[in-house]
Amino acid sequence: MLVGRPPFSASPSGRWAAAREANAEASVESFDALVANVLRLNYEMPDELSLEVRQLIDAMLQVQPSDRASIGELCLDRWVTALGPVPPDAPEGVTVQCGECECE
């Protein structure tokens, strides 16, 4: 989590969890509002997030899977690679020997 809370809130104030705890009816209404926000891509991001990370989040949070960024695209994203490229996967069958333990 980047900002300490989920991106979709059931209410404009983001207090759906409190409403859920208040009573079961509020919980159902809050859940329905949460689902509606997800399906409408109605989410908020804090102002302090950079443009790069906002664009990354937007690329991931799409209703249609075909509209979402692929893993390859995410690995090449400007925000993800700001400190350097994403390390490649290790080839299958790589083993490491430490030489310090007596394992069988």
PDB file of N, CA and C in Angstrom:
ATOM      1  N   MET A   1       0.844  -1.167   0.000  1.00  0.00           N
ATOM      2  CA  MET A   1       0.000   0.000   0.000  1.00  0.00           C
ATOM      3  C   MET A   1       0.895   1.238   0.000  1.00  0.00           C
ATOM      4  N   LEU A   2       0.540   2.160  -0.802  1.00  0.00           N
ATOM      5  CA  LEU A   2       1.372   3.350  -0.969  1.00  0.00           C
ATOM      6  C   LEU A   2       1.014   4.464   0.013  1.00  0.00           C
ATOM      7  N   VAL A   3      -0.266   4.602   0.336  1.00  0.00           N
ATOM      8  CA  VAL A   3      -0.695   5.714   1.187  1.00  0.00           C
ATOM      9  C   VAL A   3      -1.375   5.262   2.476  1.00  0.00           C
ATOM     10  N   GLY A   4      -1.409   3.965   2.750  1.00  0.00           N
ATOM     11  CA  GLY A   4      -1.964   3.476   3.998  1.00  0.00           C
ATOM     12  C   GLY A   4      -3.457   3.228   4.001  1.00  0.00           C
ATOM     13  N   ARG A   5      -4.081   3.267   2.840  1.00  0.00           N
ATOM     14  CA  ARG A   5      -5.514   2.966   2.753  1.00  0.00           C
ATOM     15  C   ARG A   5      -5.825   2.511   1.330  1.00  0.00           C
ATOM     16  N   PRO A   6      -6.918   1.768   1.168  1.00  0.00           N
ATOM     17  CA  PRO A   6      -7.281   1.333  -0.181  1.00  0.00           C
ATOM     18  C   PRO A   6      -7.686   2.515  -1.053  1.00  0.00           C
ATOM     19  N   PRO A   7      -7.555   2.387  -2.375  1.00  0.00           N
ATOM     20  CA  PRO A   7      -7.859   3.515  -3.260  1.00  0.00           C
ATOM     21  C   PRO A   7      -9.344   3.839  -3.382  1.00  0.00           C
ATOM     22  N   PHE A   8     -10.199   2.845  -3.245  1.00  0.00           N
ATOM     23  CA  PHE A   8     -11.632   3.070  -3.419  1.00  0.00           C
ATOM     24  C   PHE A   8     -12.294   3.184  -2.062  1.00  0.00           C
ATOM     25  N   SER A   9     -13.050   4.246  -1.853  1.00  0.00           N
ATOM     26  CA  SER A   9     -13.778   4.432  -0.601  1.00  0.00           C
ATOM     27  C   SER A   9     -15.260   4.358  -0.883  1.00  0.00           C
ATOM     28  N   ALA A  10     -15.998   3.902   0.099  1.00  0.00           N
ATOM     29  CA  ALA A  10     -17.440   3.801  -0.072  1.00  0.00           C
ATOM     30  C   ALA A  10     -18.130   5.129   0.152  1.00  0.00           C
ATOM     31  N   SER A  11     -17.436   6.045   0.775  1.00  0.00           N
ATOM     32  CA  SER A  11     -18.022   7.362   0.992  1.00  0.00           C
ATOM     33  C   SER A  11     -16.977   8.405   0.622  1.00  0.00           C
ATOM     34  N   PRO A  12     -17.407   9.612   0.310  1.00  0.00           N
ATOM     35  CA  PRO A  12     -16.448  10.651  -0.053  1.00  0.00           C
ATOM     36  C   PRO A  12     -15.394  10.890   1.019  1.00  0.00           C
ATOM     37  N   SER A  13     -15.759  10.683   2.260  1.00  0.00           N
ATOM     38  CA  SER A  13     -14.809  10.914   3.342  1.00  0.00           C
ATOM     39  C   SER A  13     -13.908   9.716   3.588  1.00  0.00           C
ATOM     40  N   GLY A  14     -14.176   8.591   2.929  1.00  0.00           N
ATOM     41  CA  GLY A  14     -13.359   7.404   3.105  1.00  0.00           C
ATOM     42  C   GLY A  14     -13.601   6.683   4.412  1.00  0.00           C
ATOM     43  N   ARG A  15     -14.746   6.859   5.013  1.00  0.00           N
ATOM     44  CA  ARG A  15     -15.019   6.260   6.324  1.00  0.00           C
ATOM     45  C   ARG A  15     -15.968   5.071   6.229  1.00  0.00           C
ATOM     46  N   TRP A  16     -15.845   4.265   5.177  1.00  0.00           N
ATOM     47  CA  TRP A  16     -16.773   3.152   5.023  1.00  0.00           C
ATOM     48  C   TRP A  16     -16.580   2.104   6.102  1.00  0.00           C
ATOM     49  N   ALA A  17     -15.368   1.931   6.611  1.00  0.00           N
ATOM     50  CA  ALA A  17     -15.134   0.928   7.649  1.00  0.00           C
ATOM     51  C   ALA A  17     -15.883   1.298   8.925  1.00  0.00           C
ATOM     52  N   ALA A  18     -15.902   2.576   9.260  1.00  0.00           N
ATOM     53  CA  ALA A  18     -16.628   3.019  10.454  1.00  0.00           C
ATOM     54  C   ALA A  18     -18.120   2.785  10.284  1.00  0.00           C
ATOM     55  N   ALA A  19     -18.634   3.060   9.101  1.00  0.00           N
ATOM     56  CA  ALA A  19     -20.057   2.824   8.842  1.00  0.00           C
ATOM     57  C   ALA A  19     -20.369   1.339   8.914  1.00  0.00           C
ATOM     58  N   ARG A  20     -19.455   0.509   8.429  1.00  0.00           N
ATOM     59  CA  ARG A  20     -19.664  -0.939   8.460  1.00  0.00           C
ATOM     60  C   ARG A  20     -19.776  -1.424   9.894  1.00  0.00           C
ATOM     61  N   GLU A  21     -18.967  -0.872  10.761  1.00  0.00           N
ATOM     62  CA  GLU A  21     -18.988  -1.294  12.149  1.00  0.00           C
ATOM     63  C   GLU A  21     -20.223  -0.778  12.882  1.00  0.00           C
ATOM     64  N   ALA A  22     -20.826   0.292  12.390  1.00  0.00           N
ATOM     65  CA  ALA A  22     -21.982   0.882  13.068  1.00  0.00           C
ATOM     66  C   ALA A  22     -23.159  -0.078  13.085  1.00  0.00           C
ATOM     67  N   ASN A  23     -23.490  -0.664  11.948  1.00  0.00           N
ATOM     68  CA  ASN A  23     -24.553  -1.664  11.897  1.00  0.00           C
ATOM     69  C   ASN A  23     -24.522  -2.394  10.565  1.00  0.00           C
ATOM     70  N   ALA A  24     -25.221  -3.510  10.499  1.00  0.00           N
ATOM     71  CA  ALA A  24     -25.190  -4.351   9.298  1.00  0.00           C
ATOM     72  C   ALA A  24     -25.773  -3.634   8.089  1.00  0.00           C
ATOM     73  N   GLU A  25     -26.832  -2.845   8.275  1.00  0.00           N
ATOM     74  CA  GLU A  25     -27.441  -2.141   7.143  1.00  0.00           C
ATOM     75  C   GLU A  25     -26.459  -1.141   6.541  1.00  0.00           C
ATOM     76  N   ALA A  26     -25.778  -0.418   7.372  1.00  0.00           N
ATOM     77  CA  ALA A  26     -24.772   0.526   6.882  1.00  0.00           C
ATOM     78  C   ALA A  26     -23.657  -0.228   6.166  1.00  0.00           C
ATOM     79  N   SER A  27     -23.357  -1.428   6.657  1.00  0.00           N
ATOM     80  CA  SER A  27     -22.323  -2.237   6.032  1.00  0.00           C
ATOM     81  C   SER A  27     -22.705  -2.610   4.607  1.00  0.00           C
ATOM     82  N   VAL A  28     -23.941  -3.030   4.403  1.00  0.00           N
ATOM     83  CA  VAL A  28     -24.408  -3.395   3.061  1.00  0.00           C
ATOM     84  C   VAL A  28     -24.381  -2.178   2.149  1.00  0.00           C
ATOM     85  N   GLU A  29     -24.872  -1.043   2.636  1.00  0.00           N
ATOM     86  CA  GLU A  29     -24.868   0.181   1.834  1.00  0.00           C
ATOM     87  C   GLU A  29     -23.436   0.598   1.503  1.00  0.00           C
ATOM     88  N   SER A  30     -22.552   0.498   2.468  1.00  0.00           N
ATOM     89  CA  SER A  30     -21.163   0.877   2.248  1.00  0.00           C
ATOM     90  C   SER A  30     -20.495  -0.060   1.249  1.00  0.00           C
ATOM     91  N   PHE A  31     -20.785  -1.354   1.368  1.00  0.00           N
ATOM     92  CA  PHE A  31     -20.210  -2.309   0.426  1.00  0.00           C
ATOM     93  C   PHE A  31     -20.719  -2.039  -0.983  1.00  0.00           C
ATOM     94  N   ASP A  32     -22.014  -1.778  -1.114  1.00  0.00           N
ATOM     95  CA  ASP A  32     -22.583  -1.456  -2.427  1.00  0.00           C
ATOM     96  C   ASP A  32     -21.944  -0.199  -3.007  1.00  0.00           C
ATOM     97  N   ALA A  33     -21.720   0.798  -2.163  1.00  0.00           N
ATOM     98  CA  ALA A  33     -21.072   2.031  -2.622  1.00  0.00           C
ATOM     99  C   ALA A  33     -19.630   1.755  -3.038  1.00  0.00           C
ATOM    100  N   LEU A  34     -18.949   0.902  -2.291  1.00  0.00           N
ATOM    101  CA  LEU A  34     -17.579   0.537  -2.631  1.00  0.00           C
ATOM    102  C   LEU A  34     -17.527  -0.149  -3.996  1.00  0.00           C
ATOM    103  N   VAL A  35     -18.412  -1.115  -4.221  1.00  0.00           N
ATOM    104  CA  VAL A  35     -18.463  -1.816  -5.508  1.00  0.00           C
ATOM    105  C   VAL A  35     -18.759  -0.836  -6.635  1.00  0.00           C
ATOM    106  N   ALA A  36     -19.705   0.065  -6.415  1.00  0.00           N
ATOM    107  CA  ALA A  36     -20.038   1.066  -7.437  1.00  0.00           C
ATOM    108  C   ALA A  36     -18.822   1.934  -7.756  1.00  0.00           C
ATOM    109  N   ASN A  37     -18.074   2.334  -6.745  1.00  0.00           N
ATOM    110  CA  ASN A  37     -16.871   3.148  -6.974  1.00  0.00           C
ATOM    111  C   ASN A  37     -15.825   2.384  -7.782  1.00  0.00           C
ATOM    112  N   VAL A  38     -15.660   1.102  -7.488  1.00  0.00           N
ATOM    113  CA  VAL A  38     -14.698   0.287  -8.236  1.00  0.00           C
ATOM    114  C   VAL A  38     -15.122   0.192  -9.693  1.00  0.00           C
ATOM    115  N   LEU A  39     -16.390  -0.105  -9.929  1.00  0.00           N
ATOM    116  CA  LEU A  39     -16.876  -0.273 -11.304  1.00  0.00           C
ATOM    117  C   LEU A  39     -16.861   1.027 -12.100  1.00  0.00           C
ATOM    118  N   ARG A  40     -16.953   2.156 -11.418  1.00  0.00           N
ATOM    119  CA  ARG A  40     -16.920   3.468 -12.094  1.00  0.00           C
ATOM    120  C   ARG A  40     -15.519   4.074 -12.115  1.00  0.00           C
ATOM    121  N   LEU A  41     -14.566   3.356 -11.541  1.00  0.00           N
ATOM    122  CA  LEU A  41     -13.198   3.878 -11.379  1.00  0.00           C
ATOM    123  C   LEU A  41     -13.203   5.213 -10.647  1.00  0.00           C
ATOM    124  N   ASN A  42     -14.022   5.285  -9.624  1.00  0.00           N
ATOM    125  CA  ASN A  42     -14.142   6.489  -8.814  1.00  0.00           C
ATOM    126  C   ASN A  42     -13.243   6.324  -7.581  1.00  0.00           C
ATOM    127  N   TYR A  43     -12.047   6.853  -7.665  1.00  0.00           N
ATOM    128  CA  TYR A  43     -11.117   6.746  -6.543  1.00  0.00           C
ATOM    129  C   TYR A  43     -10.354   8.053  -6.385  1.00  0.00           C
ATOM    130  N   GLU A  44      -9.799   8.209  -5.191  1.00  0.00           N
ATOM    131  CA  GLU A  44      -9.060   9.423  -4.872  1.00  0.00           C
ATOM    132  C   GLU A  44      -7.617   9.070  -4.553  1.00  0.00           C
ATOM    133  N   MET A  45      -6.714   9.963  -4.930  1.00  0.00           N
ATOM    134  CA  MET A  45      -5.308   9.818  -4.560  1.00  0.00           C
ATOM    135  C   MET A  45      -4.893  11.085  -3.824  1.00  0.00           C
ATOM    136  N   PRO A  46      -4.099  10.934  -2.779  1.00  0.00           N
ATOM    137  CA  PRO A  46      -3.639  12.115  -2.048  1.00  0.00           C
ATOM    138  C   PRO A  46      -2.857  13.065  -2.957  1.00  0.00           C
ATOM    139  N   ASP A  47      -2.988  14.342  -2.691  1.00  0.00           N
ATOM    140  CA  ASP A  47      -2.314  15.365  -3.497  1.00  0.00           C
ATOM    141  C   ASP A  47      -0.797  15.228  -3.491  1.00  0.00           C
ATOM    142  N   GLU A  48      -0.246  14.651  -2.421  1.00  0.00           N
ATOM    143  CA  GLU A  48       1.209  14.575  -2.324  1.00  0.00           C
ATOM    144  C   GLU A  48       1.839  13.506  -3.226  1.00  0.00           C
ATOM    145  N   LEU A  49       1.034  12.671  -3.868  1.00  0.00           N
ATOM    146  CA  LEU A  49       1.590  11.671  -4.784  1.00  0.00           C
ATOM    147  C   LEU A  49       2.104  12.344  -6.052  1.00  0.00           C
ATOM    148  N   SER A  50       3.236  11.871  -6.532  1.00  0.00           N
ATOM    149  CA  SER A  50       3.826  12.436  -7.747  1.00  0.00           C
ATOM    150  C   SER A  50       3.000  12.060  -8.976  1.00  0.00           C
ATOM    151  N   LEU A  51       3.192  12.812 -10.037  1.00  0.00           N
ATOM    152  CA  LEU A  51       2.515  12.523 -11.300  1.00  0.00           C
ATOM    153  C   LEU A  51       2.875  11.126 -11.787  1.00  0.00           C
ATOM    154  N   GLU A  52       4.140  10.726 -11.632  1.00  0.00           N
ATOM    155  CA  GLU A  52       4.586   9.413 -12.092  1.00  0.00           C
ATOM    156  C   GLU A  52       3.835   8.281 -11.400  1.00  0.00           C
ATOM    157  N   VAL A  53       3.689   8.367 -10.079  1.00  0.00           N
ATOM    158  CA  VAL A  53       2.998   7.290  -9.368  1.00  0.00           C
ATOM    159  C   VAL A  53       1.493   7.346  -9.635  1.00  0.00           C
ATOM    160  N   ARG A  54       0.944   8.524  -9.828  1.00  0.00           N
ATOM    161  CA  ARG A  54      -0.474   8.638 -10.195  1.00  0.00           C
ATOM    162  C   ARG A  54      -0.731   7.944 -11.533  1.00  0.00           C
ATOM    163  N   GLN A  55       0.172   8.145 -12.489  1.00  0.00           N
ATOM    164  CA  GLN A  55       0.014   7.511 -13.797  1.00  0.00           C
ATOM    165  C   GLN A  55       0.152   5.994 -13.685  1.00  0.00           C
ATOM    166  N   LEU A  56       1.046   5.531 -12.829  1.00  0.00           N
ATOM    167  CA  LEU A  56       1.209   4.096 -12.615  1.00  0.00           C
ATOM    168  C   LEU A  56      -0.063   3.491 -12.025  1.00  0.00           C
ATOM    169  N   ILE A  57      -0.610   4.129 -11.009  1.00  0.00           N
ATOM    170  CA  ILE A  57      -1.838   3.639 -10.382  1.00  0.00           C
ATOM    171  C   ILE A  57      -2.982   3.640 -11.387  1.00  0.00           C
ATOM    172  N   ASP A  58      -3.107   4.711 -12.155  1.00  0.00           N
ATOM    173  CA  ASP A  58      -4.150   4.771 -13.186  1.00  0.00           C
ATOM    174  C   ASP A  58      -3.999   3.635 -14.197  1.00  0.00           C
ATOM    175  N   ALA A  59      -2.759   3.300 -14.547  1.00  0.00           N
ATOM    176  CA  ALA A  59      -2.521   2.226 -15.516  1.00  0.00           C
ATOM    177  C   ALA A  59      -2.938   0.862 -14.970  1.00  0.00           C
ATOM    178  N   MET A  60      -2.867   0.688 -13.654  1.00  0.00           N
ATOM    179  CA  MET A  60      -3.244  -0.592 -13.041  1.00  0.00           C
ATOM    180  C   MET A  60      -4.727  -0.685 -12.733  1.00  0.00           C
ATOM    181  N   LEU A  61      -5.323   0.424 -12.301  1.00  0.00           N
ATOM    182  CA  LEU A  61      -6.718   0.402 -11.871  1.00  0.00           C
ATOM    183  C   LEU A  61      -7.651   0.678 -13.045  1.00  0.00           C
ATOM    184  N   GLN A  62      -7.884  -0.337 -13.819  1.00  0.00           N
ATOM    185  CA  GLN A  62      -8.802  -0.268 -14.949  1.00  0.00           C
ATOM    186  C   GLN A  62      -9.814  -1.399 -14.812  1.00  0.00           C
ATOM    187  N   VAL A  63     -11.062  -1.129 -15.154  1.00  0.00           N
ATOM    188  CA  VAL A  63     -12.115  -2.138 -15.026  1.00  0.00           C
ATOM    189  C   VAL A  63     -11.847  -3.316 -15.961  1.00  0.00           C
ATOM    190  N   GLN A  64     -11.565  -3.026 -17.216  1.00  0.00           N
ATOM    191  CA  GLN A  64     -11.324  -4.078 -18.205  1.00  0.00           C
ATOM    192  C   GLN A  64      -9.869  -4.548 -18.129  1.00  0.00           C
ATOM    193  N   PRO A  65      -9.647  -5.838 -17.928  1.00  0.00           N
ATOM    194  CA  PRO A  65      -8.272  -6.338 -17.868  1.00  0.00           C
ATOM    195  C   PRO A  65      -7.441  -5.959 -19.093  1.00  0.00           C
ATOM    196  N   SER A  66      -8.057  -5.914 -20.257  1.00  0.00           N
ATOM    197  CA  SER A  66      -7.311  -5.574 -21.474  1.00  0.00           C
ATOM    198  C   SER A  66      -6.830  -4.125 -21.470  1.00  0.00           C
ATOM    199  N   ASP A  67      -7.436  -3.282 -20.636  1.00  0.00           N
ATOM    200  CA  ASP A  67      -7.034  -1.878 -20.541  1.00  0.00           C
ATOM    201  C   ASP A  67      -5.926  -1.651 -19.512  1.00  0.00           C
ATOM    202  N   ARG A  68      -5.655  -2.661 -18.679  1.00  0.00           N
ATOM    203  CA  ARG A  68      -4.646  -2.526 -17.630  1.00  0.00           C
ATOM    204  C   ARG A  68      -3.246  -2.689 -18.204  1.00  0.00           C
ATOM    205  N   ALA A  69      -2.294  -2.049 -17.563  1.00  0.00           N
ATOM    206  CA  ALA A  69      -0.891  -2.217 -17.953  1.00  0.00           C
ATOM    207  C   ALA A  69      -0.477  -3.660 -17.697  1.00  0.00           C
ATOM    208  N   SER A  70       0.344  -4.195 -18.584  1.00  0.00           N
ATOM    209  CA  SER A  70       0.859  -5.552 -18.406  1.00  0.00           C
ATOM    210  C   SER A  70       1.998  -5.529 -17.380  1.00  0.00           C
ATOM    211  N   ILE A  71       2.383  -6.703 -16.914  1.00  0.00           N
ATOM    212  CA  ILE A  71       3.508  -6.795 -15.981  1.00  0.00           C
ATOM    213  C   ILE A  71       4.766  -6.209 -16.623  1.00  0.00           C
ATOM    214  N   GLY A  72       4.972  -6.516 -17.900  1.00  0.00           N
ATOM    215  CA  GLY A  72       6.132  -5.970 -18.605  1.00  0.00           C
ATOM    216  C   GLY A  72       6.120  -4.457 -18.644  1.00  0.00           C
ATOM    217  N   GLU A  73       4.945  -3.883 -18.910  1.00  0.00           N
ATOM    218  CA  GLU A  73       4.824  -2.421 -18.932  1.00  0.00           C
ATOM    219  C   GLU A  73       5.071  -1.835 -17.551  1.00  0.00           C
ATOM    220  N   LEU A  74       4.552  -2.505 -16.517  1.00  0.00           N
ATOM    221  CA  LEU A  74       4.751  -2.017 -15.151  1.00  0.00           C
ATOM    222  C   LEU A  74       6.228  -2.072 -14.758  1.00  0.00           C
ATOM    223  N   CYS A  75       6.920  -3.125 -15.173  1.00  0.00           N
ATOM    224  CA  CYS A  75       8.349  -3.251 -14.848  1.00  0.00           C
ATOM    225  C   CYS A  75       9.192  -2.181 -15.532  1.00  0.00           C
ATOM    226  N   LEU A  76       8.694  -1.623 -16.624  1.00  0.00           N
ATOM    227  CA  LEU A  76       9.422  -0.572 -17.345  1.00  0.00           C
ATOM    228  C   LEU A  76       8.942   0.831 -16.987  1.00  0.00           C
ATOM    229  N   ASP A  77       7.953   0.911 -16.104  1.00  0.00           N
ATOM    230  CA  ASP A  77       7.369   2.202 -15.747  1.00  0.00           C
ATOM    231  C   ASP A  77       8.420   3.138 -15.150  1.00  0.00           C
ATOM    232  N   ARG A  78       8.270   4.422 -15.432  1.00  0.00           N
ATOM    233  CA  ARG A  78       9.220   5.443 -14.975  1.00  0.00           C
ATOM    234  C   ARG A  78       9.331   5.480 -13.450  1.00  0.00           C
ATOM    235  N   TRP A  79       8.223   5.331 -12.735  1.00  0.00           N
ATOM    236  CA  TRP A  79       8.262   5.376 -11.277  1.00  0.00           C
ATOM    237  C   TRP A  79       8.920   4.114 -10.717  1.00  0.00           C
ATOM    238  N   VAL A  80       8.600   2.957 -11.293  1.00  0.00           N
ATOM    239  CA  VAL A  80       9.160   1.686 -10.824  1.00  0.00           C
ATOM    240  C   VAL A  80      10.670   1.648 -11.037  1.00  0.00           C
ATOM    241  N   THR A  81      11.135   2.189 -12.149  1.00  0.00           N
ATOM    242  CA  THR A  81      12.557   2.107 -12.495  1.00  0.00           C
ATOM    243  C   THR A  81      13.364   3.336 -12.074  1.00  0.00           C
ATOM    244  N   ALA A  82      12.778   4.202 -11.274  1.00  0.00           N
ATOM    245  CA  ALA A  82      13.465   5.443 -10.885  1.00  0.00           C
ATOM    246  C   ALA A  82      14.818   5.178 -10.226  1.00  0.00           C
ATOM    247  N   LEU A  83      14.945   4.086  -9.497  1.00  0.00           N
ATOM    248  CA  LEU A  83      16.212   3.767  -8.823  1.00  0.00           C
ATOM    249  C   LEU A  83      17.024   2.730  -9.587  1.00  0.00           C
ATOM    250  N   GLY A  84      16.587   2.393 -10.780  1.00  0.00           N
ATOM    251  CA  GLY A  84      17.287   1.405 -11.598  1.00  0.00           C
ATOM    252  C   GLY A  84      16.301   0.389 -12.143  1.00  0.00           C
ATOM    253  N   PRO A  85      16.749  -0.439 -13.087  1.00  0.00           N
ATOM    254  CA  PRO A  85      15.834  -1.409 -13.696  1.00  0.00           C
ATOM    255  C   PRO A  85      15.410  -2.491 -12.711  1.00  0.00           C
ATOM    256  N   VAL A  86      14.277  -3.095 -12.983  1.00  0.00           N
ATOM    257  CA  VAL A  86      13.799  -4.217 -12.182  1.00  0.00           C
ATOM    258  C   VAL A  86      14.730  -5.395 -12.465  1.00  0.00           C
ATOM    259  N   PRO A  87      15.241  -6.072 -11.429  1.00  0.00           N
ATOM    260  CA  PRO A  87      16.151  -7.195 -11.662  1.00  0.00           C
ATOM    261  C   PRO A  87      15.460  -8.312 -12.443  1.00  0.00           C
ATOM    262  N   PRO A  88      16.198  -8.998 -13.312  1.00  0.00           N
ATOM    263  CA  PRO A  88      15.595 -10.097 -14.066  1.00  0.00           C
ATOM    264  C   PRO A  88      15.309 -11.284 -13.158  1.00  0.00           C
ATOM    265  N   ASP A  89      14.402 -12.145 -13.605  1.00  0.00           N
ATOM    266  CA  ASP A  89      14.132 -13.375 -12.868  1.00  0.00           C
ATOM    267  C   ASP A  89      15.365 -14.264 -12.921  1.00  0.00           C
ATOM    268  N   ALA A  90      15.585 -15.010 -11.859  1.00  0.00           N
ATOM    269  CA  ALA A  90      16.687 -15.969 -11.845  1.00  0.00           C
ATOM    270  C   ALA A  90      16.314 -17.148 -12.738  1.00  0.00           C
ATOM    271  N   PRO A  91      17.268 -17.675 -13.486  1.00  0.00           N
ATOM    272  CA  PRO A  91      16.958 -18.833 -14.325  1.00  0.00           C
ATOM    273  C   PRO A  91      16.580 -20.031 -13.467  1.00  0.00           C
ATOM    274  N   GLU A  92      15.744 -20.899 -14.016  1.00  0.00           N
ATOM    275  CA  GLU A  92      15.335 -22.090 -13.271  1.00  0.00           C
ATOM    276  C   GLU A  92      16.540 -22.982 -13.028  1.00  0.00           C
ATOM    277  N   GLY A  93      16.525 -23.643 -11.908  1.00  0.00           N
ATOM    278  CA  GLY A  93      17.577 -24.591 -11.610  1.00  0.00           C
ATOM    279  C   GLY A  93      18.809 -23.985 -10.963  1.00  0.00           C
ATOM    280  N   VAL A  94      18.772 -22.719 -10.631  1.00  0.00           N
ATOM    281  CA  VAL A  94      19.922 -22.097  -9.974  1.00  0.00           C
ATOM    282  C   VAL A  94      19.962 -22.558  -8.527  1.00  0.00           C
ATOM    283  N   THR A  95      21.118 -23.031  -8.101  1.00  0.00           N
ATOM    284  CA  THR A  95      21.281 -23.431  -6.712  1.00  0.00           C
ATOM    285  C   THR A  95      22.412 -22.619  -6.094  1.00  0.00           C
ATOM    286  N   VAL A  96      22.325 -22.459  -4.807  1.00  0.00           N
ATOM    287  CA  VAL A  96      23.342 -21.714  -4.076  1.00  0.00           C
ATOM    288  C   VAL A  96      23.939 -22.639  -3.029  1.00  0.00           C
ATOM    289  N   GLN A  97      25.250 -22.676  -2.976  1.00  0.00           N
ATOM    290  CA  GLN A  97      25.927 -23.482  -1.972  1.00  0.00           C
ATOM    291  C   GLN A  97      26.646 -22.543  -1.021  1.00  0.00           C
ATOM    292  N   CYS A  98      26.363 -22.701   0.247  1.00  0.00           N
ATOM    293  CA  CYS A  98      26.980 -21.793   1.208  1.00  0.00           C
ATOM    294  C   CYS A  98      28.304 -22.327   1.730  1.00  0.00           C
ATOM    295  N   GLY A  99      28.467 -23.645   1.804  1.00  0.00           N
ATOM    296  CA  GLY A  99      29.712 -24.223   2.281  1.00  0.00           C
ATOM    297  C   GLY A  99      29.935 -24.072   3.774  1.00  0.00           C
ATOM    298  N   GLU A 100      28.992 -23.449   4.463  1.00  0.00           N
ATOM    299  CA  GLU A 100      29.160 -23.227   5.898  1.00  0.00           C
ATOM    300  C   GLU A 100      28.288 -24.138   6.744  1.00  0.00           C
ATOM    301  N   CYS A 101      27.374 -24.857   6.114  1.00  0.00           N
ATOM    302  CA  CYS A 101      26.481 -25.705   6.893  1.00  0.00           C
ATOM    303  C   CYS A 101      26.733 -27.169   6.546  1.00  0.00           C
ATOM    304  N   GLU A 102      26.294 -28.021   7.404  1.00  0.00           N
ATOM    305  CA  GLU A 102      26.468 -29.453   7.185  1.00  0.00           C
ATOM    306  C   GLU A 102      25.131 -30.064   6.807  1.00  0.00           C
ATOM    307  N   CYS A 103      24.598 -29.666   5.687  1.00  0.00           N
ATOM    308  CA  CYS A 103      23.309 -30.158   5.217  1.00  0.00           C
ATOM    309  C   CYS A 103      23.518 -31.399   4.369  1.00  0.00           C
ATOM    310  N   GLU A 104      22.542 -32.257   4.386  1.00  0.00           N
ATOM    311  CA  GLU A 104      22.618 -33.440   3.529  1.00  0.00           C
ATOM    312  C   GLU A 104      21.685 -33.305   2.374  1.00  0.00           C
TER     313      GLU A 104
END
